[in-house]
C-alpha atoms as a PDB file:
ATOM      1  CA  UNK A   1      -0.022   0.076  -0.173  1.00  0.00           C
ATOM      2  CA  UNK A   2       1.910   3.191  -1.251  1.00  0.00           C
ATOM      3  CA  UNK A   3       1.499   6.112   0.871  1.00  0.00           C
ATOM      4  CA  UNK A   4       0.978   9.774  -0.663  1.00  0.00           C
ATOM      5  CA  UNK A   5       4.274  10.339  -0.556  1.00  0.00           C
ATOM      6  CA  UNK A   6       4.799   6.915  -2.473  1.00  0.00           C
ATOM      7  CA  UNK A   7       6.399   5.555   0.316  1.00  0.00           C
ATOM      8  CA  UNK A   8       5.396   1.762   0.796  1.00  0.00           C
ATOM      9  CA  UNK A   9       4.098   0.599   4.333  1.00  0.00           C
ATOM     10  CA  UNK A  10       5.197  -2.996   5.656  1.00  0.00           C
ATOM     11  CA  UNK A  11       4.052  -5.028   8.373  1.00  0.00           C
ATOM     12  CA  UNK A  12       6.299  -5.432  11.420  1.00  0.00           C
ATOM     13  CA  UNK A  13       6.047  -8.904  10.986  1.00  0.00           C
ATOM     14  CA  UNK A  14       3.457 -11.994   9.448  1.00  0.00           C
ATOM     15  CA  UNK A  15       1.574 -11.580  13.095  1.00  0.00           C
ATOM     16  CA  UNK A  16      -0.038  -8.359  11.936  1.00  0.00           C
ATOM     17  CA  UNK A  17      -3.066  -7.542   9.588  1.00  0.00           C
ATOM     18  CA  UNK A  18      -4.452  -3.942   8.849  1.00  0.00           C
ATOM     19  CA  UNK A  19      -7.286  -2.842  10.308  1.00  0.00           C
ATOM     20  CA  UNK A  20     -10.987  -2.891   8.487  1.00  0.00           C
ATOM     21  CA  UNK A  21     -11.925   0.455   7.905  1.00  0.00           C
ATOM     22  CA  UNK A  22      -8.535   2.337   8.556  1.00  0.00           C
ATOM     23  CA  UNK A  23      -6.601   4.471   6.299  1.00  0.00           C
ATOM     24  CA  UNK A  24      -4.036   6.872   5.500  1.00  0.00           C
ATOM     25  CA  UNK A  25      -6.637   9.115   5.476  1.00  0.00           C
ATOM     26  CA  UNK A  26      -7.796   9.053   8.845  1.00  0.00           C
ATOM     27  CA  UNK A  27      -5.008   7.115  10.895  1.00  0.00           C
ATOM     28  CA  UNK A  28      -4.214   3.624   9.400  1.00  0.00           C
ATOM     29  CA  UNK A  29      -4.202   1.135  12.501  1.00  0.00           C
ATOM     30  CA  UNK A  30      -2.808  -2.313  12.636  1.00  0.00           C
ATOM     31  CA  UNK A  31      -3.367  -5.174  14.710  1.00  0.00           C
ATOM     32  CA  UNK A  32      -1.262  -8.396  15.755  1.00  0.00           C
ATOM     33  CA  UNK A  33      -2.549 -11.659  16.547  1.00  0.00           C
ATOM     34  CA  UNK A  34      -3.231 -11.175  20.611  1.00  0.00           C
ATOM     35  CA  UNK A  35      -5.046  -7.761  19.842  1.00  0.00           C
ATOM     36  CA  UNK A  36      -2.604  -5.343  19.975  1.00  0.00           C
ATOM     37  CA  UNK A  37      -3.187  -1.662  17.736  1.00  0.00           C
ATOM     38  CA  UNK A  38      -0.743   0.640  16.406  1.00  0.00           C
ATOM     39  CA  UNK A  39      -0.835   3.284  13.952  1.00  0.00           C
ATOM     40  CA  UNK A  40       1.338   4.537  11.408  1.00  0.00           C
ATOM     41  CA  UNK A  41       3.144   8.075  11.569  1.00  0.00           C
ATOM     42  CA  UNK A  42       4.380   9.125   8.358  1.00  0.00           C
ATOM     43  CA  UNK A  43       7.500  10.991   7.865  1.00  0.00           C
ATOM     44  CA  UNK A  44       8.081  11.211   4.229  1.00  0.00           C
ATOM     45  CA  UNK A  45      11.229  10.745   2.662  1.00  0.00           C
ATOM     46  CA  UNK A  46      11.413  13.910   0.656  1.00  0.00           C
ATOM     47  CA  UNK A  47      13.841  16.712   0.571  1.00  0.00           C
ATOM     48  CA  UNK A  48      12.077  19.197   2.142  1.00  0.00           C
ATOM     49  CA  UNK A  49      12.276  16.570   5.361  1.00  0.00           C
ATOM     50  CA  UNK A  50      15.640  16.322   4.781  1.00  0.00           C
ATOM     51  CA  UNK A  51      16.960  19.087   2.818  1.00  0.00           C
ATOM     52  CA  UNK A  52      20.735  18.337   4.298  1.00  0.00           C
ATOM     53  CA  UNK A  53      20.869  14.370   4.823  1.00  0.00           C
ATOM     54  CA  UNK A  54      19.069  14.230   1.035  1.00  0.00           C
ATOM     55  CA  UNK A  55      16.643  11.223   0.201  1.00  0.00           C
ATOM     56  CA  UNK A  56      19.296   8.871  -1.585  1.00  0.00           C
ATOM     57  CA  UNK A  57      21.380   7.687   1.806  1.00  0.00           C
ATOM     58  CA  UNK A  58      21.787   3.559   1.488  1.00  0.00           C
ATOM     59  CA  UNK A  59      23.401   1.256   4.170  1.00  0.00           C
ATOM     60  CA  UNK A  60      27.049   0.249   3.806  1.00  0.00           C
ATOM     61  CA  UNK A  61      27.940  -3.737   3.414  1.00  0.00           C
ATOM     62  CA  UNK A  62      27.372  -3.955   7.056  1.00  0.00           C
ATOM     63  CA  UNK A  63      23.938  -2.815   6.929  1.00  0.00           C
ATOM     64  CA  UNK A  64      24.266   0.798   8.593  1.00  0.00           C
ATOM     65  CA  UNK A  65      24.585   4.455   7.259  1.00  0.00           C
ATOM     66  CA  UNK A  66      27.334   6.212   8.752  1.00  0.00           C
ATOM     67  CA  UNK A  67      27.499   8.098  12.035  1.00  0.00           C
ATOM     68  CA  UNK A  68      27.797  11.912   9.750  1.00  0.00           C
ATOM     69  CA  UNK A  69      24.374  10.328   7.965  1.00  0.00           C
ATOM     70  CA  UNK A  70      22.821   9.596  10.829  1.00  0.00           C
ATOM     71  CA  UNK A  71      23.458  12.979  12.468  1.00  0.00           C
ATOM     72  CA  UNK A  72      22.278  14.817   9.460  1.00  0.00           C
ATOM     73  CA  UNK A  73      19.437  12.636   9.430  1.00  0.00           C
ATOM     74  CA  UNK A  74      18.688  13.276  13.357  1.00  0.00           C
ATOM     75  CA  UNK A  75      19.362  17.457  12.652  1.00  0.00           C
ATOM     76  CA  UNK A  76      16.870  17.583  10.034  1.00  0.00           C
ATOM     77  CA  UNK A  77      13.926  15.883  11.789  1.00  0.00           C
ATOM     78  CA  UNK A  78      13.849  18.149  14.414  1.00  0.00           C
ATOM     79  CA  UNK A  79      14.450  21.175  12.018  1.00  0.00           C
ATOM     80  CA  UNK A  80      10.906  19.548  10.144  1.00  0.00           C
ATOM     81  CA  UNK A  81       9.386  18.670  13.785  1.00  0.00           C
ATOM     82  CA  UNK A  82       9.315  22.291  14.830  1.00  0.00           C
ATOM     83  CA  UNK A  83       7.644  20.804  18.135  1.00  0.00           C
ATOM     84  CA  UNK A  84      11.355  20.577  20.000  1.00  0.00           C
ATOM     85  CA  UNK A  85      11.334  20.366  24.053  1.00  0.00           C
ATOM     86  CA  UNK A  86      14.711  21.402  25.264  1.00  0.00           C
ATOM     87  CA  UNK A  87      15.613  17.863  25.825  1.00  0.00           C
ATOM     88  CA  UNK A  88      17.947  15.548  24.100  1.00  0.00           C
ATOM     89  CA  UNK A  89      17.949  12.171  22.492  1.00  0.00           C
ATOM     90  CA  UNK A  90      21.108  11.270  24.742  1.00  0.00           C
ATOM     91  CA  UNK A  91      22.291   8.386  26.868  1.00  0.00           C
ATOM     92  CA  UNK A  92      23.211   9.617  30.836  1.00  0.00           C
ATOM     93  CA  UNK A  93      22.620   6.403  32.787  1.00  0.00           C
ATOM     94  CA  UNK A  94      21.163   3.112  32.890  1.00  0.00           C
ATOM     95  CA  UNK A  95      19.283   4.159  35.375  1.00  0.00           C
ATOM     96  CA  UNK A  96      18.088   6.671  33.331  1.00  0.00           C
ATOM     97  CA  UNK A  97      17.237   4.401  29.898  1.00  0.00           C
ATOM     98  CA  UNK A  98      17.592   0.947  30.928  1.00  0.00           C
ATOM     99  CA  UNK A  99      20.465   1.089  28.705  1.00  0.00           C
ATOM    100  CA  UNK A 100      23.910   0.670  28.423  1.00  0.00           C
ATOM    101  CA  UNK A 101      25.187   3.746  26.253  1.00  0.00           C
ATOM    102  CA  UNK A 102      26.289   1.368  23.314  1.00  0.00           C
ATOM    103  CA  UNK A 103      22.866  -0.508  23.526  1.00  0.00           C
ATOM    104  CA  UNK A 104      21.248   2.962  23.362  1.00  0.00           C
ATOM    105  CA  UNK A 105      23.043   4.494  20.482  1.00  0.00           C
ATOM    106  CA  UNK A 106      22.680   1.197  18.733  1.00  0.00           C
ATOM    107  CA  UNK A 107      18.757   1.558  19.460  1.00  0.00           C
ATOM    108  CA  UNK A 108      18.994   5.191  18.181  1.00  0.00           C
ATOM    109  CA  UNK A 109      20.260   4.167  15.195  1.00  0.00           C
ATOM    110  CA  UNK A 110      18.381   1.958  14.590  1.00  0.00           C
ATOM    111  CA  UNK A 111      15.312   3.894  14.504  1.00  0.00           C
ATOM    112  CA  UNK A 112      16.797   6.636  12.696  1.00  0.00           C
ATOM    113  CA  UNK A 113      17.257   4.436   9.865  1.00  0.00           C
ATOM    114  CA  UNK A 114      14.085   2.535   9.939  1.00  0.00           C
ATOM    115  CA  UNK A 115      12.506   6.265  10.151  1.00  0.00           C
ATOM    116  CA  UNK A 116      14.140   7.161   7.029  1.00  0.00           C
ATOM    117  CA  UNK A 117      14.366   3.911   5.224  1.00  0.00           C
ATOM    118  CA  UNK A 118      10.457   3.333   5.712  1.00  0.00           C
ATOM    119  CA  UNK A 119       9.255   6.278   5.522  1.00  0.00           C
ATOM    120  CA  UNK A 120       7.519   7.079   9.221  1.00  0.00           C
ATOM    121  CA  UNK A 121       7.263   4.483  12.079  1.00  0.00           C
ATOM    122  CA  UNK A 122       4.083   2.701  14.543  1.00  0.00           C
ATOM    123  CA  UNK A 123       3.157   4.171  17.596  1.00  0.00           C
ATOM    124  CA  UNK A 124       0.948   2.252  19.700  1.00  0.00           C
ATOM    125  CA  UNK A 125      -2.520   3.602  19.224  1.00  0.00           C
ATOM    126  CA  UNK A 126      -3.281   3.391  23.528  1.00  0.00           C
ATOM    127  CA  UNK A 127      -1.349   4.194  25.915  1.00  0.00           C
ATOM    128  CA  UNK A 128       0.689   0.966  27.743  1.00  0.00           C
ATOM    129  CA  UNK A 129      -2.047  -0.624  28.991  1.00  0.00           C
ATOM    130  CA  UNK A 130      -2.201  -4.096  31.795  1.00  0.00           C
ATOM    131  CA  UNK A 131      -5.133  -6.032  32.740  1.00  0.00           C
ATOM    132  CA  UNK A 132      -4.340  -5.844  36.716  1.00  0.00           C
ATOM    133  CA  UNK A 133      -4.855  -2.172  37.795  1.00  0.00           C
ATOM    134  CA  UNK A 134      -1.430  -1.055  39.880  1.00  0.00           C
ATOM    135  CA  UNK A 135      -1.672   0.893  42.973  1.00  0.00           C
ATOM    136  CA  UNK A 136       1.922   0.953  43.969  1.00  0.00           C
ATOM    137  CA  UNK A 137       5.590   0.150  42.869  1.00  0.00           C
ATOM    138  CA  UNK A 138       6.146  -3.626  42.483  1.00  0.00           C
ATOM    139  CA  UNK A 139       9.265  -4.716  40.509  1.00  0.00           C
ATOM    140  CA  UNK A 140       8.771  -6.219  37.049  1.00  0.00           C
ATOM    141  CA  UNK A 141      10.212  -9.392  37.228  1.00  0.00           C
ATOM    142  CA  UNK A 142       7.526 -11.868  35.350  1.00  0.00           C
ATOM    143  CA  UNK A 143       6.225 -11.653  31.516  1.00  0.00           C
ATOM    144  CA  UNK A 144       2.523 -11.061  32.773  1.00  0.00           C
ATOM    145  CA  UNK A 145       3.905  -7.519  33.059  1.00  0.00           C
ATOM    146  CA  UNK A 146       4.103  -7.390  29.285  1.00  0.00           C
ATOM    147  CA  UNK A 147       2.329  -4.089  28.061  1.00  0.00           C
ATOM    148  CA  UNK A 148      -0.479  -3.876  25.579  1.00  0.00           C
ATOM    149  CA  UNK A 149      -1.572  -1.460  23.625  1.00  0.00           C
ATOM    150  CA  UNK A 150      -5.487  -1.856  23.820  1.00  0.00           C
ATOM    151  CA  UNK A 151      -8.767  -0.082  24.866  1.00  0.00           C
ATOM    152  CA  UNK A 152      -9.998  -0.383  28.386  1.00  0.00           C
ATOM    153  CA  UNK A 153      -6.820  -1.563  30.058  1.00  0.00           C
ATOM    154  CA  UNK A 154      -5.791   0.253  33.117  1.00  0.00           C
ATOM    155  CA  UNK A 155      -2.848   2.687  32.312  1.00  0.00           C
ATOM    156  CA  UNK A 156       0.066   0.706  33.653  1.00  0.00           C
ATOM    157  CA  UNK A 157       1.358   2.815  37.095  1.00  0.00           C
ATOM    158  CA  UNK A 158       4.308   3.361  39.382  1.00  0.00           C
ATOM    159  CA  UNK A 159       6.667   2.386  36.684  1.00  0.00           C
ATOM    160  CA  UNK A 160      10.500   3.769  36.537  1.00  0.00           C
ATOM    161  CA  UNK A 161      11.942   5.221  33.611  1.00  0.00           C
ATOM    162  CA  UNK A 162      14.415   2.554  33.283  1.00  0.00           C
ATOM    163  CA  UNK A 163      11.667  -0.404  33.985  1.00  0.00           C
ATOM    164  CA  UNK A 164       9.195   1.314  31.113  1.00  0.00           C
ATOM    165  CA  UNK A 165      12.548   0.600  28.621  1.00  0.00           C
ATOM    166  CA  UNK A 166      13.006  -3.042  30.135  1.00  0.00           C
ATOM    167  CA  UNK A 167       8.839  -3.453  29.435  1.00  0.00           C
ATOM    168  CA  UNK A 168       8.684  -1.920  25.611  1.00  0.00           C
ATOM    169  CA  UNK A 169      11.382  -4.693  24.674  1.00  0.00           C
ATOM    170  CA  UNK A 170       9.406  -7.495  25.614  1.00  0.00           C
ATOM    171  CA  UNK A 171       6.838  -6.273  23.195  1.00  0.00           C
ATOM    172  CA  UNK A 172       9.404  -7.324  20.558  1.00  0.00           C
ATOM    173  CA  UNK A 173       9.045 -10.841  18.197  1.00  0.00           C
ATOM    174  CA  UNK A 174      10.165 -11.436  14.568  1.00  0.00           C
ATOM    175  CA  UNK A 175      11.506  -8.969  12.786  1.00  0.00           C
ATOM    176  CA  UNK A 176      10.825  -5.672  14.275  1.00  0.00           C
ATOM    177  CA  UNK A 177      12.434  -3.611  17.053  1.00  0.00           C
ATOM    178  CA  UNK A 178       9.976  -2.430  19.841  1.00  0.00           C
ATOM    179  CA  UNK A 179      11.628   0.195  22.210  1.00  0.00           C
ATOM    180  CA  UNK A 180       9.633   3.597  23.738  1.00  0.00           C
ATOM    181  CA  UNK A 181       9.666   6.248  21.469  1.00  0.00           C
ATOM    182  CA  UNK A 182      12.761   8.981  21.900  1.00  0.00           C
ATOM    183  CA  UNK A 183      12.088  12.592  21.829  1.00  0.00           C
ATOM    184  CA  UNK A 184      12.442  13.320  18.179  1.00  0.00           C
ATOM    185  CA  UNK A 185       9.701  10.983  17.485  1.00  0.00           C
ATOM    186  CA  UNK A 186       7.224  12.233  19.887  1.00  0.00           C
ATOM    187  CA  UNK A 187       7.789  15.189  18.035  1.00  0.00           C
ATOM    188  CA  UNK A 188       7.260  13.711  14.879  1.00  0.00           C
ATOM    189  CA  UNK A 189       3.913  12.096  15.869  1.00  0.00           C
ATOM    190  CA  UNK A 190       2.608  15.895  16.916  1.00  0.00           C
ATOM    191  CA  UNK A 191       3.956  16.862  13.590  1.00  0.00           C
ATOM    192  CA  UNK A 192       2.426  14.039  11.605  1.00  0.00           C
ATOM    193  CA  UNK A 193      -0.945  15.624  13.357  1.00  0.00           C
ATOM    194  CA  UNK A 194      -0.084  18.605  12.477  1.00  0.00           C
ATOM    195  CA  UNK A 195       0.313  17.639   8.688  1.00  0.00           C
ATOM    196  CA  UNK A 196      -3.683  16.359   9.365  1.00  0.00           C
ATOM    197  CA  UNK A 197      -5.150  19.184  10.732  1.00  0.00           C
ATOM    198  CA  UNK A 198      -4.549  19.824  13.859  1.00  0.00           C
ATOM    199  CA  UNK A 199      -3.078  23.044  14.980  1.00  0.00           C
ATOM    200  CA  UNK A 200       0.011  24.526  16.335  1.00  0.00           C
ATOM    201  CA  UNK A 201      -2.200  25.829  19.321  1.00  0.00           C
ATOM    202  CA  UNK A 202      -3.954  23.026  20.236  1.00  0.00           C
ATOM    203  CA  UNK A 203      -0.617  20.873  19.992  1.00  0.00           C
ATOM    204  CA  UNK A 204       1.719  22.954  21.199  1.00  0.00           C
ATOM    205  CA  UNK A 205      -0.091  25.407  23.488  1.00  0.00           C
ATOM    206  CA  UNK A 206      -3.540  24.114  25.025  1.00  0.00           C
ATOM    207  CA  UNK A 207      -4.446  20.666  24.895  1.00  0.00           C
ATOM    208  CA  UNK A 208      -7.527  20.774  26.894  1.00  0.00           C
ATOM    209  CA  UNK A 209     -10.184  20.446  23.933  1.00  0.00           C
ATOM    210  CA  UNK A 210      -9.001  16.912  23.060  1.00  0.00           C
ATOM    211  CA  UNK A 211      -7.320  15.500  26.059  1.00  0.00           C
ATOM    212  CA  UNK A 212      -8.262  14.447  29.709  1.00  0.00           C
ATOM    213  CA  UNK A 213      -7.056  17.029  31.711  1.00  0.00           C
ATOM    214  CA  UNK A 214      -7.914  18.803  35.487  1.00  0.00           C
ATOM    215  CA  UNK A 215     -10.325  21.390  33.706  1.00  0.00           C
ATOM    216  CA  UNK A 216     -11.293  19.493  30.431  1.00  0.00           C
ATOM    217  CA  UNK A 217     -15.053  18.180  30.432  1.00  0.00           C
ATOM    218  CA  UNK A 218     -16.523  15.374  28.186  1.00  0.00           C
ATOM    219  CA  UNK A 219     -19.244  12.450  28.672  1.00  0.00           C
ATOM    220  CA  UNK A 220     -17.714   9.293  28.420  1.00  0.00           C
ATOM    221  CA  UNK A 221     -20.476   6.822  26.704  1.00  0.00           C
ATOM    222  CA  UNK A 222     -18.010   3.868  26.309  1.00  0.00           C
ATOM    223  CA  UNK A 223     -19.730   1.231  28.684  1.00  0.00           C
ATOM    224  CA  UNK A 224     -16.541  -1.235  28.570  1.00  0.00           C
ATOM    225  CA  UNK A 225     -14.639   2.371  30.169  1.00  0.00           C
ATOM    226  CA  UNK A 226     -13.781   2.951  33.579  1.00  0.00           C
ATOM    227  CA  UNK A 227     -13.124   5.873  35.535  1.00  0.00           C
ATOM    228  CA  UNK A 228     -10.993   6.661  38.711  1.00  0.00           C
ATOM    229  CA  UNK A 229     -11.969   9.894  41.143  1.00  0.00           C
ATOM    230  CA  UNK A 230      -9.235   8.548  43.324  1.00  0.00           C
ATOM    231  CA  UNK A 231      -5.900   8.457  41.788  1.00  0.00           C
ATOM    232  CA  UNK A 232      -6.326   4.711  40.407  1.00  0.00           C
ATOM    233  CA  UNK A 233      -7.036   3.896  43.608  1.00  0.00           C
ATOM    234  CA  UNK A 234     -10.437   2.720  43.186  1.00  0.00           C
ATOM    235  CA  UNK A 235     -12.143   2.867  39.622  1.00  0.00           C
ATOM    236  CA  UNK A 236     -16.085   3.154  38.509  1.00  0.00           C
ATOM    237  CA  UNK A 237     -17.833   1.813  35.562  1.00  0.00           C
ATOM    238  CA  UNK A 238     -18.497   4.279  32.974  1.00  0.00           C
ATOM    239  CA  UNK A 239     -20.816   6.199  31.246  1.00  0.00           C
ATOM    240  CA  UNK A 240     -19.512   8.671  32.893  1.00  0.00           C
ATOM    241  CA  UNK A 241     -19.795  12.570  32.603  1.00  0.00           C
ATOM    242  CA  UNK A 242     -17.627  15.119  33.400  1.00  0.00           C
ATOM    243  CA  UNK A 243     -19.071  18.794  34.070  1.00  0.00           C
ATOM    244  CA  UNK A 244     -15.891  20.767  36.152  1.00  0.00           C
ATOM    245  CA  UNK A 245     -12.510  21.073  36.985  1.00  0.00           C
ATOM    246  CA  UNK A 246     -11.195  17.593  39.020  1.00  0.00           C
ATOM    247  CA  UNK A 247      -9.157  15.080  38.345  1.00  0.00           C
ATOM    248  CA  UNK A 248     -10.132  11.670  36.691  1.00  0.00           C
ATOM    249  CA  UNK A 249      -8.011   8.994  35.634  1.00  0.00           C
ATOM    250  CA  UNK A 250      -9.724   6.823  32.833  1.00  0.00           C
ATOM    251  CA  UNK A 251      -8.946   3.896  31.236  1.00  0.00           C
ATOM    252  CA  UNK A 252      -7.329   3.400  27.685  1.00  0.00           C
ATOM    253  CA  UNK A 253      -9.381   4.657  25.058  1.00  0.00           C
ATOM    254  CA  UNK A 254     -11.824   5.466  26.979  1.00  0.00           C
ATOM    255  CA  UNK A 255     -13.331   8.171  24.009  1.00  0.00           C
ATOM    256  CA  UNK A 256     -13.484   9.118  20.647  1.00  0.00           C
ATOM    257  CA  UNK A 257     -12.748  12.775  22.277  1.00  0.00           C
ATOM    258  CA  UNK A 258      -9.167  11.996  22.819  1.00  0.00           C
ATOM    259  CA  UNK A 259      -8.179  10.868  19.731  1.00  0.00           C
ATOM    260  CA  UNK A 260      -6.394  12.266  16.868  1.00  0.00           C
ATOM    261  CA  UNK A 261      -5.346  10.310  13.616  1.00  0.00           C
ATOM    262  CA  UNK A 262      -6.901   7.145  15.409  1.00  0.00           C
ATOM    263  CA  UNK A 263      -3.922   7.815  18.230  1.00  0.00           C
ATOM    264  CA  UNK A 264      -5.545   7.664  21.541  1.00  0.00           C
ATOM    265  CA  UNK A 265      -4.409   9.984  24.586  1.00  0.00           C
ATOM    266  CA  UNK A 266      -1.474  11.884  23.146  1.00  0.00           C
ATOM    267  CA  UNK A 267      -2.243  14.654  25.595  1.00  0.00           C
ATOM    268  CA  UNK A 268      -3.861  13.997  28.410  1.00  0.00           C
ATOM    269  CA  UNK A 269      -4.900  11.076  30.920  1.00  0.00           C
ATOM    270  CA  UNK A 270      -1.009  10.160  31.427  1.00  0.00           C
ATOM    271  CA  UNK A 271       2.425  11.362  31.461  1.00  0.00           C
ATOM    272  CA  UNK A 272       4.419   8.834  28.938  1.00  0.00           C
ATOM    273  CA  UNK A 273       8.311   8.103  29.351  1.00  0.00           C
ATOM    274  CA  UNK A 274      10.672   9.177  27.093  1.00  0.00           C
ATOM    275  CA  UNK A 275      14.173   8.195  25.848  1.00  0.00           C
ATOM    276  CA  UNK A 276      15.460  11.900  26.304  1.00  0.00           C
ATOM    277  CA  UNK A 277      17.544  13.276  28.547  1.00  0.00           C
ATOM    278  CA  UNK A 278      17.098  16.680  30.393  1.00  0.00           C
ATOM    279  CA  UNK A 279      20.400  17.796  31.290  1.00  0.00           C
ATOM    280  CA  UNK A 280      19.843  17.925  34.868  1.00  0.00           C
ATOM    281  CA  UNK A 281      21.313  14.836  36.277  1.00  0.00           C
ATOM    282  CA  UNK A 282      19.263  14.998  39.645  1.00  0.00           C
ATOM    283  CA  UNK A 283      16.148  14.952  37.120  1.00  0.00           C
ATOM    284  CA  UNK A 284      17.447  12.992  33.799  1.00  0.00           C
ATOM    285  CA  UNK A 285      14.231  11.434  32.951  1.00  0.00           C
ATOM    286  CA  UNK A 286      11.929  12.755  30.427  1.00  0.00           C
ATOM    287  CA  UNK A 287       7.753  12.631  31.302  1.00  0.00           C
ATOM    288  CA  UNK A 288       5.629  14.157  27.820  1.00  0.00           C
ATOM    289  CA  UNK A 289       2.004  14.670  27.275  1.00  0.00           C
ATOM    290  CA  UNK A 290       0.675  15.482  29.877  1.00  0.00           C
ATOM    291  CA  UNK A 291      -2.086  14.059  33.059  1.00  0.00           C
ATOM    292  CA  UNK A 292      -5.147  14.036  34.010  1.00  0.00           C
ATOM    293  CA  UNK A 293      -4.431  16.557  37.431  1.00  0.00           C
ATOM    294  CA  UNK A 294      -2.924  18.816  34.910  1.00  0.00           C
ATOM    295  CA  UNK A 295      -4.638  22.173  33.117  1.00  0.00           C
ATOM    296  CA  UNK A 296      -4.326  21.380  29.005  1.00  0.00           C
ATOM    297  CA  UNK A 297      -2.754  25.003  28.638  1.00  0.00           C
ATOM    298  CA  UNK A 298      -0.056  24.244  31.138  1.00  0.00           C
ATOM    299  CA  UNK A 299       1.115  20.770  30.275  1.00  0.00           C
ATOM    300  CA  UNK A 300      -0.297  19.885  26.369  1.00  0.00           C
ATOM    301  CA  UNK A 301       0.437  17.444  23.993  1.00  0.00           C
ATOM    302  CA  UNK A 302       4.146  19.282  23.765  1.00  0.00           C
ATOM    303  CA  UNK A 303       5.095  19.450  27.143  1.00  0.00           C
ATOM    304  CA  UNK A 304       7.909  17.744  28.735  1.00  0.00           C
ATOM    305  CA  UNK A 305       9.054  17.762  32.025  1.00  0.00           C
ATOM    306  CA  UNK A 306      12.085  16.498  34.081  1.00  0.00           C
ATOM    307  CA  UNK A 307      11.744  13.674  37.055  1.00  0.00           C
ATOM    308  CA  UNK A 308      14.417  11.818  38.708  1.00  0.00           C
ATOM    309  CA  UNK A 309      14.942   7.594  37.753  1.00  0.00           C
ATOM    310  CA  UNK A 310      13.032   6.564  41.228  1.00  0.00           C
ATOM    311  CA  UNK A 311      10.332   8.447  40.189  1.00  0.00           C
ATOM    312  CA  UNK A 312       7.331   6.169  40.090  1.00  0.00           C
ATOM    313  CA  UNK A 313       4.574   7.728  42.100  1.00  0.00           C
ATOM    314  CA  UNK A 314       0.571   7.341  39.526  1.00  0.00           C
ATOM    315  CA  UNK A 315       1.758  10.017  37.452  1.00  0.00           C
ATOM    316  CA  UNK A 316       4.777   8.614  36.836  1.00  0.00           C
ATOM    317  CA  UNK A 317       3.521   6.507  33.710  1.00  0.00           C
ATOM    318  CA  UNK A 318       5.186   4.120  31.254  1.00  0.00           C
ATOM    319  CA  UNK A 319       4.850   5.045  27.944  1.00  0.00           C
ATOM    320  CA  UNK A 320       3.392   3.681  24.462  1.00  0.00           C
ATOM    321  CA  UNK A 321       5.120   1.520  22.725  1.00  0.00           C
ATOM    322  CA  UNK A 322       6.916   2.330  18.760  1.00  0.00           C
ATOM    323  CA  UNK A 323       7.898  -0.476  16.103  1.00  0.00           C
ATOM    324  CA  UNK A 324      10.860   0.038  14.526  1.00  0.00           C
ATOM    325  CA  UNK A 325      13.152  -2.046  11.604  1.00  0.00           C
ATOM    326  CA  UNK A 326      10.358  -3.369  10.045  1.00  0.00           C
ATOM    327  CA  UNK A 327      11.980  -3.724   6.228  1.00  0.00           C
ATOM    328  CA  UNK A 328      11.896  -7.649   6.007  1.00  0.00           C
ATOM    329  CA  UNK A 329       8.263  -7.997   6.714  1.00  0.00           C
ATOM    330  CA  UNK A 330       5.188  -8.133   4.253  1.00  0.00           C
ATOM    331  CA  UNK A 331       4.253  -5.766   2.291  1.00  0.00           C
ATOM    332  CA  UNK A 332       0.760  -4.404   3.016  1.00  0.00           C
END
């Protein structure tokens, strides 16, 4: 299935299929064999996106680009997005990322090459979820803790930033790589939404109208959704009509009100860890996107906050997963 810029889309593996009724104009969604869903974020391989790197980079005999090529691709992508928080995709520590410096740099190069060669990347349609609500910090040490990208799940809570990447890596299988998003990917999601009609103001200044925030109002009619008036300690079944300013936590994908291009809760509901470094040694970890107990004007979709490596309170959330390196998968 070629995109409107001529890019050919790939499924991450044979376990994925296109979700009926979705397309590139409204948000293309794929689903794996256990129901996890992902949305395509197009990053056109054009001269306007890559004025310095160009559009003709090819991998060497080792299957990789050169260090200079990776650098120019990253610089071009940051220029293209314009939604750049003043943090960087650089390694600080294993406590920050869950990765060694070498692992981090290799993953970053995999991401940059995959975005460039594929003309985009897949991200979780929903915030990372879990079937059983977490109400306190418990170390992640078994396979049942693998996150999902499904609607009507409890948001994955009480996760250190280093654990978030470890969990994201567990989602992978076959020929693709799964990971947290790097900061440039978060910015590229916002740029993609802008190209599809979202305004810079609602992405960068005030996301109250389309996110679950303290000051937003909405009516949840999805009877499979749940809401919490106690910061996730207990939950009630929807429907729910929010008429005033109050903190209300929702399960994943609770309402299409919070969706753009089939991506839910990029703004509000829960903050999301990324692999950015804040340049603050005491608070090196980054949370993006705003949360339900804050206003949409103070913490819009482009918000980035700095937190410590042991921050795992209920707003210290896990993030949605991104899928990369899909070159050997079947063509859609």
